[in-house]
Amino acid sequence: VYATEQEGPYFVGLPAACSYPLSVFLYRSLPAQADDLAGYRQNLDCLRDPAAKFLVLEKSAARRGRALPEVRTTIEEEFDCQHPVVRTKTYTLCPRR
């Protein structure tokens, strides 16, 4: 799963099974009613899918405080970003818990 801005998925090159490889909802504040949108639900389901072994988190997109509480909680419960597999200047590769 990608939480990146712009070309992150292209440059990182890891496959993603999500309908939307660039999950804007992960790093942007959205109105409370966004959780009723089909795209939001699809992205959240993708984030929760055990087949997604990693979260690719871009530093500039990591402002999880801006995301909806459900998204922040899901990331914290599903992925271990405190103990990344890889950390570069730009990206953190968080393994699934």
C-alpha atoms as a PDB file:
ATOM      1  CA  VAL A   1       0.000   0.000   0.000  1.00  0.00           C
ATOM      2  CA  TYR A   2       1.333   3.441  -0.852  1.00  0.00           C
ATOM      3  CA  ALA A   3       1.041   6.603   1.219  1.00  0.00           C
ATOM      4  CA  THR A   4       3.003   8.765  -1.149  1.00  0.00           C
ATOM      5  CA  GLU A   5       2.549  11.950  -3.071  1.00  0.00           C
ATOM      6  CA  GLN A   6       2.805  12.275  -6.837  1.00  0.00           C
ATOM      7  CA  GLU A   7       5.186   9.765  -8.470  1.00  0.00           C
ATOM      8  CA  GLY A   8       5.996   7.619  -5.425  1.00  0.00           C
ATOM      9  CA  PRO A   9       4.530   4.340  -6.714  1.00  0.00           C
ATOM     10  CA  TYR A  10       6.246   4.780 -10.072  1.00  0.00           C
ATOM     11  CA  PHE A  11       9.700   5.433  -8.611  1.00  0.00           C
ATOM     12  CA  VAL A  12       9.508   2.826  -5.844  1.00  0.00           C
ATOM     13  CA  GLY A  13       8.289   0.228  -8.323  1.00  0.00           C
ATOM     14  CA  LEU A  14       6.692  -2.223  -5.889  1.00  0.00           C
ATOM     15  CA  PRO A  15       3.424  -3.751  -7.121  1.00  0.00           C
ATOM     16  CA  ALA A  16       0.152  -2.760  -5.497  1.00  0.00           C
ATOM     17  CA  ALA A  17      -3.132  -4.606  -5.747  1.00  0.00           C
ATOM     18  CA  CYS A  18      -5.164  -1.588  -4.673  1.00  0.00           C
ATOM     19  CA  SER A  19      -7.547   0.074  -7.083  1.00  0.00           C
ATOM     20  CA  TYR A  20      -5.854   3.387  -6.338  1.00  0.00           C
ATOM     21  CA  PRO A  21      -2.080   3.032  -5.931  1.00  0.00           C
ATOM     22  CA  LEU A  22      -1.828   6.664  -4.828  1.00  0.00           C
ATOM     23  CA  SER A  23      -4.040   6.783  -1.746  1.00  0.00           C
ATOM     24  CA  VAL A  24      -4.729  10.483  -1.355  1.00  0.00           C
ATOM     25  CA  PHE A  25      -7.026   9.861   1.589  1.00  0.00           C
ATOM     26  CA  LEU A  26      -4.089   8.527   3.606  1.00  0.00           C
ATOM     27  CA  TYR A  27      -2.302  11.833   3.819  1.00  0.00           C
ATOM     28  CA  ARG A  28      -4.886  14.551   3.340  1.00  0.00           C
ATOM     29  CA  SER A  29      -7.539  15.869   5.636  1.00  0.00           C
ATOM     30  CA  LEU A  30     -10.944  14.989   4.327  1.00  0.00           C
ATOM     31  CA  PRO A  31     -14.374  16.048   5.493  1.00  0.00           C
ATOM     32  CA  ALA A  32     -15.997  13.673   7.977  1.00  0.00           C
ATOM     33  CA  GLN A  33     -18.486  12.531   5.352  1.00  0.00           C
ATOM     34  CA  ALA A  34     -15.632  11.159   3.194  1.00  0.00           C
ATOM     35  CA  ASP A  35     -15.996   7.825   4.943  1.00  0.00           C
ATOM     36  CA  ASP A  36     -19.252   7.394   2.993  1.00  0.00           C
ATOM     37  CA  LEU A  37     -17.431   7.520  -0.354  1.00  0.00           C
ATOM     38  CA  ALA A  38     -16.882   4.217  -2.205  1.00  0.00           C
ATOM     39  CA  GLY A  39     -13.281   5.155  -3.055  1.00  0.00           C
ATOM     40  CA  TYR A  40     -12.487   5.847   0.590  1.00  0.00           C
ATOM     41  CA  ARG A  41     -13.891   2.468   1.640  1.00  0.00           C
ATOM     42  CA  GLN A  42     -11.973   0.660  -1.133  1.00  0.00           C
ATOM     43  CA  ASN A  43      -8.726   2.289  -0.064  1.00  0.00           C
ATOM     44  CA  LEU A  44      -9.310   1.522   3.603  1.00  0.00           C
ATOM     45  CA  ASP A  45     -10.101  -2.105   2.739  1.00  0.00           C
ATOM     46  CA  CYS A  46      -6.860  -2.250   0.773  1.00  0.00           C
ATOM     47  CA  LEU A  47      -4.955  -0.911   3.757  1.00  0.00           C
ATOM     48  CA  ARG A  48      -6.500  -3.648   5.914  1.00  0.00           C
ATOM     49  CA  ASP A  49      -5.940  -6.439   3.370  1.00  0.00           C
ATOM     50  CA  PRO A  50      -3.390  -8.943   4.779  1.00  0.00           C
ATOM     51  CA  ALA A  51      -2.055  -9.420   1.239  1.00  0.00           C
ATOM     52  CA  ALA A  52      -0.546  -5.917   1.495  1.00  0.00           C
ATOM     53  CA  LYS A  53       2.695  -6.843   3.250  1.00  0.00           C
ATOM     54  CA  PHE A  54       4.122  -3.314   3.410  1.00  0.00           C
ATOM     55  CA  LEU A  55       3.159   0.334   3.649  1.00  0.00           C
ATOM     56  CA  VAL A  56       5.405   2.617   1.602  1.00  0.00           C
ATOM     57  CA  LEU A  57       5.282   5.882   3.479  1.00  0.00           C
ATOM     58  CA  GLU A  58       6.732   9.017   1.906  1.00  0.00           C
ATOM     59  CA  LYS A  59       8.152  11.482   4.415  1.00  0.00           C
ATOM     60  CA  SER A  60       6.197  14.415   2.981  1.00  0.00           C
ATOM     61  CA  ALA A  61       2.985  12.362   3.128  1.00  0.00           C
ATOM     62  CA  ALA A  62       3.558  11.072   6.654  1.00  0.00           C
ATOM     63  CA  ARG A  63       1.552  13.775   8.347  1.00  0.00           C
ATOM     64  CA  ARG A  64      -0.932  11.215   9.592  1.00  0.00           C
ATOM     65  CA  GLY A  65      -2.337  13.792  11.964  1.00  0.00           C
ATOM     66  CA  ARG A  66      -4.050  15.254   8.919  1.00  0.00           C
ATOM     67  CA  ALA A  67      -5.802  11.992   8.026  1.00  0.00           C
ATOM     68  CA  LEU A  68      -9.139  10.838   9.381  1.00  0.00           C
ATOM     69  CA  PRO A  69      -8.888   9.078  12.769  1.00  0.00           C
ATOM     70  CA  GLU A  70      -9.955   5.747  11.241  1.00  0.00           C
ATOM     71  CA  VAL A  71      -7.039   5.926   8.814  1.00  0.00           C
ATOM     72  CA  ARG A  72      -4.508   6.804  11.536  1.00  0.00           C
ATOM     73  CA  THR A  73      -5.731   3.971  13.742  1.00  0.00           C
ATOM     74  CA  THR A  74      -5.668   1.462  10.886  1.00  0.00           C
ATOM     75  CA  ILE A  75      -2.079   2.372   9.973  1.00  0.00           C
ATOM     76  CA  GLU A  76      -0.947   2.088  13.585  1.00  0.00           C
ATOM     77  CA  GLU A  77      -2.717  -1.260  14.065  1.00  0.00           C
ATOM     78  CA  GLU A  78      -1.738  -2.821  10.733  1.00  0.00           C
ATOM     79  CA  PHE A  79       1.821  -1.586  10.093  1.00  0.00           C
ATOM     80  CA  ASP A  80       4.967  -1.188  12.175  1.00  0.00           C
ATOM     81  CA  CYS A  81       6.508   2.096  11.047  1.00  0.00           C
ATOM     82  CA  GLN A  82       8.588   2.302  14.228  1.00  0.00           C
ATOM     83  CA  HIS A  83      10.662  -0.658  12.995  1.00  0.00           C
ATOM     84  CA  PRO A  84      10.846  -0.201   9.220  1.00  0.00           C
ATOM     85  CA  VAL A  85      12.429  -2.674   6.837  1.00  0.00           C
ATOM     86  CA  VAL A  86      14.025   0.209   4.949  1.00  0.00           C
ATOM     87  CA  ARG A  87      14.242   3.921   5.669  1.00  0.00           C
ATOM     88  CA  THR A  88      15.667   6.369   3.154  1.00  0.00           C
ATOM     89  CA  LYS A  89      15.683  10.131   3.032  1.00  0.00           C
ATOM     90  CA  THR A  90      12.320  10.025   1.256  1.00  0.00           C
ATOM     91  CA  TYR A  91      10.585   6.703   2.023  1.00  0.00           C
ATOM     92  CA  THR A  92       9.899   4.362   4.933  1.00  0.00           C
ATOM     93  CA  LEU A  93       8.941   0.751   4.209  1.00  0.00           C
ATOM     94  CA  CYS A  94       6.742  -0.340   7.112  1.00  0.00           C
ATOM     95  CA  PRO A  95       6.073  -4.083   7.467  1.00  0.00           C
ATOM     96  CA  ARG A  96       2.680  -5.476   8.343  1.00  0.00           C
ATOM     97  CA  ARG A  97       2.376  -6.379  12.024  1.00  0.00           C
END
